């Protein structure tokens, strides 16, 4: 009878410490590349979306002559500075004073007396 040798389990090679660092570095480089690509895409799309410059305004250019009374709008197109506004116009120009929602507490909802605060 032959004697059998005891079988030893197969060893797996020990992981090198640099293996994990390589994976993390590769992941970081990929994330940076995606971020740079997204930024460049946003810049390109924003430039494509900008409005055209519009028409030139020669009266606003620095070389335009200073306005004089003869070049003003005709009299019937100018507003009357002495006119009294109507009630509807006055109401439309009145500031809004209603309740504004926000994070601050309403008046009276906080402690009124310093004795109650304790």
C-alpha atoms as a PDB file:
ATOM      1  CA  UNK A   1       0.000   0.000   0.000  1.00  0.00           C
ATOM      2  CA  UNK A   2       1.285   3.299  -0.993  1.00  0.00           C
ATOM      3  CA  UNK A   3       1.087   6.175   1.349  1.00  0.00           C
ATOM      4  CA  UNK A   4      -0.761   9.204   0.104  1.00  0.00           C
ATOM      5  CA  UNK A   5       0.563  12.617   0.622  1.00  0.00           C
ATOM      6  CA  UNK A   6      -1.658  15.129   2.257  1.00  0.00           C
ATOM      7  CA  UNK A   7      -2.924  17.570  -0.308  1.00  0.00           C
ATOM      8  CA  UNK A   8      -2.315  21.200   0.463  1.00  0.00           C
ATOM      9  CA  UNK A   9      -4.829  23.777  -0.792  1.00  0.00           C
ATOM     10  CA  UNK A  10      -3.725  25.819  -3.778  1.00  0.00           C
ATOM     11  CA  UNK A  11      -2.383  29.164  -2.871  1.00  0.00           C
ATOM     12  CA  UNK A  12      -3.641  32.275  -4.553  1.00  0.00           C
ATOM     13  CA  UNK A  13      -0.998  34.808  -5.330  1.00  0.00           C
ATOM     14  CA  UNK A  14      -0.845  37.597  -2.790  1.00  0.00           C
ATOM     15  CA  UNK A  15      -2.273  40.883  -4.015  1.00  0.00           C
ATOM     16  CA  UNK A  16       0.244  43.569  -4.517  1.00  0.00           C
ATOM     17  CA  UNK A  17      -0.491  46.854  -2.732  1.00  0.00           C
ATOM     18  CA  UNK A  18      -0.145  48.788  -5.980  1.00  0.00           C
ATOM     19  CA  UNK A  19      -3.091  46.965  -7.625  1.00  0.00           C
ATOM     20  CA  UNK A  20      -5.712  48.852  -5.646  1.00  0.00           C
ATOM     21  CA  UNK A  21      -4.024  52.204  -6.169  1.00  0.00           C
ATOM     22  CA  UNK A  22      -3.989  51.594  -9.893  1.00  0.00           C
ATOM     23  CA  UNK A  23      -7.753  50.968  -9.927  1.00  0.00           C
ATOM     24  CA  UNK A  24      -8.518  54.047  -7.863  1.00  0.00           C
ATOM     25  CA  UNK A  25      -6.254  56.143 -10.054  1.00  0.00           C
ATOM     26  CA  UNK A  26      -7.915  54.808 -13.172  1.00  0.00           C
ATOM     27  CA  UNK A  27     -11.356  55.599 -11.741  1.00  0.00           C
ATOM     28  CA  UNK A  28     -10.240  59.130 -10.817  1.00  0.00           C
ATOM     29  CA  UNK A  29      -8.844  59.734 -14.289  1.00  0.00           C
ATOM     30  CA  UNK A  30     -12.095  58.512 -15.851  1.00  0.00           C
ATOM     31  CA  UNK A  31     -14.182  60.786 -13.630  1.00  0.00           C
ATOM     32  CA  UNK A  32     -11.965  63.757 -14.476  1.00  0.00           C
ATOM     33  CA  UNK A  33     -12.263  63.012 -18.204  1.00  0.00           C
ATOM     34  CA  UNK A  34     -16.061  62.836 -17.943  1.00  0.00           C
ATOM     35  CA  UNK A  35     -16.140  66.141 -16.027  1.00  0.00           C
ATOM     36  CA  UNK A  36     -13.944  67.908 -18.566  1.00  0.00           C
ATOM     37  CA  UNK A  37     -16.033  66.506 -21.424  1.00  0.00           C
ATOM     38  CA  UNK A  38     -19.275  67.683 -19.798  1.00  0.00           C
ATOM     39  CA  UNK A  39     -17.814  71.145 -19.264  1.00  0.00           C
ATOM     40  CA  UNK A  40     -16.690  71.425 -22.862  1.00  0.00           C
ATOM     41  CA  UNK A  41     -20.089  70.236 -24.080  1.00  0.00           C
ATOM     42  CA  UNK A  42     -21.827  72.863 -21.931  1.00  0.00           C
ATOM     43  CA  UNK A  43     -19.577  75.606 -23.306  1.00  0.00           C
ATOM     44  CA  UNK A  44     -20.218  74.538 -26.901  1.00  0.00           C
ATOM     45  CA  UNK A  45     -23.988  74.336 -26.380  1.00  0.00           C
ATOM     46  CA  UNK A  46     -24.077  77.724 -24.647  1.00  0.00           C
ATOM     47  CA  UNK A  47     -22.200  79.376 -27.491  1.00  0.00           C
ATOM     48  CA  UNK A  48     -24.561  77.821 -30.021  1.00  0.00           C
ATOM     49  CA  UNK A  49     -27.562  79.100 -28.065  1.00  0.00           C
ATOM     50  CA  UNK A  50     -26.533  82.762 -27.725  1.00  0.00           C
ATOM     51  CA  UNK A  51     -28.684  85.278 -29.512  1.00  0.00           C
ATOM     52  CA  UNK A  52     -27.324  87.166 -32.494  1.00  0.00           C
ATOM     53  CA  UNK A  53     -25.985  90.628 -31.873  1.00  0.00           C
ATOM     54  CA  UNK A  54     -29.084  92.288 -33.288  1.00  0.00           C
ATOM     55  CA  UNK A  55     -29.267  95.414 -35.381  1.00  0.00           C
ATOM     56  CA  UNK A  56     -26.845  98.283 -34.910  1.00  0.00           C
ATOM     57  CA  UNK A  57     -27.928 101.298 -32.854  1.00  0.00           C
ATOM     58  CA  UNK A  58     -26.156 104.255 -34.458  1.00  0.00           C
ATOM     59  CA  UNK A  59     -27.739 106.732 -32.047  1.00  0.00           C
ATOM     60  CA  UNK A  60     -26.032 104.971 -29.111  1.00  0.00           C
ATOM     61  CA  UNK A  61     -22.572 104.736 -30.635  1.00  0.00           C
ATOM     62  CA  UNK A  62     -19.826 106.912 -29.145  1.00  0.00           C
ATOM     63  CA  UNK A  63     -19.404 108.691 -32.490  1.00  0.00           C
ATOM     64  CA  UNK A  64     -23.047 109.787 -32.597  1.00  0.00           C
ATOM     65  CA  UNK A  65     -23.674 113.509 -32.240  1.00  0.00           C
ATOM     66  CA  UNK A  66     -25.157 114.764 -28.997  1.00  0.00           C
ATOM     67  CA  UNK A  67     -28.972 114.983 -29.040  1.00  0.00           C
ATOM     68  CA  UNK A  68     -30.393 118.439 -29.591  1.00  0.00           C
ATOM     69  CA  UNK A  69     -33.985 119.673 -29.180  1.00  0.00           C
ATOM     70  CA  UNK A  70     -34.536 119.574 -32.960  1.00  0.00           C
ATOM     71  CA  UNK A  71     -33.922 115.817 -33.038  1.00  0.00           C
ATOM     72  CA  UNK A  72     -36.385 114.965 -30.246  1.00  0.00           C
ATOM     73  CA  UNK A  73     -39.574 113.060 -30.875  1.00  0.00           C
ATOM     74  CA  UNK A  74     -42.547 115.010 -32.232  1.00  0.00           C
ATOM     75  CA  UNK A  75     -44.605 116.838 -29.631  1.00  0.00           C
ATOM     76  CA  UNK A  76     -47.584 114.452 -29.752  1.00  0.00           C
ATOM     77  CA  UNK A  77     -45.296 111.474 -28.951  1.00  0.00           C
ATOM     78  CA  UNK A  78     -43.806 113.058 -25.810  1.00  0.00           C
ATOM     79  CA  UNK A  79     -45.427 112.444 -22.408  1.00  0.00           C
ATOM     80  CA  UNK A  80     -47.034 115.411 -20.686  1.00  0.00           C
ATOM     81  CA  UNK A  81     -45.004 116.108 -17.519  1.00  0.00           C
ATOM     82  CA  UNK A  82     -47.821 118.198 -16.007  1.00  0.00           C
ATOM     83  CA  UNK A  83     -50.553 115.570 -16.446  1.00  0.00           C
ATOM     84  CA  UNK A  84     -52.244 114.243 -13.288  1.00  0.00           C
ATOM     85  CA  UNK A  85     -52.363 110.425 -13.241  1.00  0.00           C
ATOM     86  CA  UNK A  86     -55.772 108.788 -13.099  1.00  0.00           C
ATOM     87  CA  UNK A  87     -56.876 106.622 -10.172  1.00  0.00           C
ATOM     88  CA  UNK A  88     -56.247 103.454 -12.217  1.00  0.00           C
ATOM     89  CA  UNK A  89     -52.700 104.571 -13.088  1.00  0.00           C
ATOM     90  CA  UNK A  90     -52.009 105.495  -9.481  1.00  0.00           C
ATOM     91  CA  UNK A  91     -53.282 102.097  -8.298  1.00  0.00           C
ATOM     92  CA  UNK A  92     -51.121 100.311 -10.882  1.00  0.00           C
ATOM     93  CA  UNK A  93     -48.021 102.146  -9.623  1.00  0.00           C
ATOM     94  CA  UNK A  94     -48.747 101.522  -5.928  1.00  0.00           C
ATOM     95  CA  UNK A  95     -46.143  99.291  -4.219  1.00  0.00           C
ATOM     96  CA  UNK A  96     -47.175  95.808  -3.205  1.00  0.00           C
ATOM     97  CA  UNK A  97     -47.595  95.621   0.569  1.00  0.00           C
ATOM     98  CA  UNK A  98     -49.215  92.212   1.002  1.00  0.00           C
ATOM     99  CA  UNK A  99     -48.029  89.281   3.103  1.00  0.00           C
ATOM    100  CA  UNK A 100     -44.707  87.909   1.891  1.00  0.00           C
ATOM    101  CA  UNK A 101     -43.928  84.317   2.759  1.00  0.00           C
ATOM    102  CA  UNK A 102     -40.452  83.537   3.970  1.00  0.00           C
ATOM    103  CA  UNK A 103     -38.341  81.848   6.591  1.00  0.00           C
ATOM    104  CA  UNK A 104     -38.619  84.625   9.154  1.00  0.00           C
ATOM    105  CA  UNK A 105     -41.253  84.376  11.853  1.00  0.00           C
ATOM    106  CA  UNK A 106     -44.291  86.618  11.644  1.00  0.00           C
ATOM    107  CA  UNK A 107     -44.533  89.545  14.009  1.00  0.00           C
ATOM    108  CA  UNK A 108     -45.840  88.545  17.389  1.00  0.00           C
ATOM    109  CA  UNK A 109     -45.147  84.841  16.918  1.00  0.00           C
ATOM    110  CA  UNK A 110     -41.771  85.031  18.703  1.00  0.00           C
ATOM    111  CA  UNK A 111     -41.383  85.513  22.446  1.00  0.00           C
ATOM    112  CA  UNK A 112     -42.713  88.918  23.445  1.00  0.00           C
ATOM    113  CA  UNK A 113     -41.035  89.123  26.867  1.00  0.00           C
ATOM    114  CA  UNK A 114     -37.468  88.108  27.612  1.00  0.00           C
ATOM    115  CA  UNK A 115     -38.818  86.317  30.730  1.00  0.00           C
ATOM    116  CA  UNK A 116     -40.808  83.897  28.533  1.00  0.00           C
ATOM    117  CA  UNK A 117     -37.729  83.007  26.505  1.00  0.00           C
ATOM    118  CA  UNK A 118     -36.158  80.993  29.326  1.00  0.00           C
END
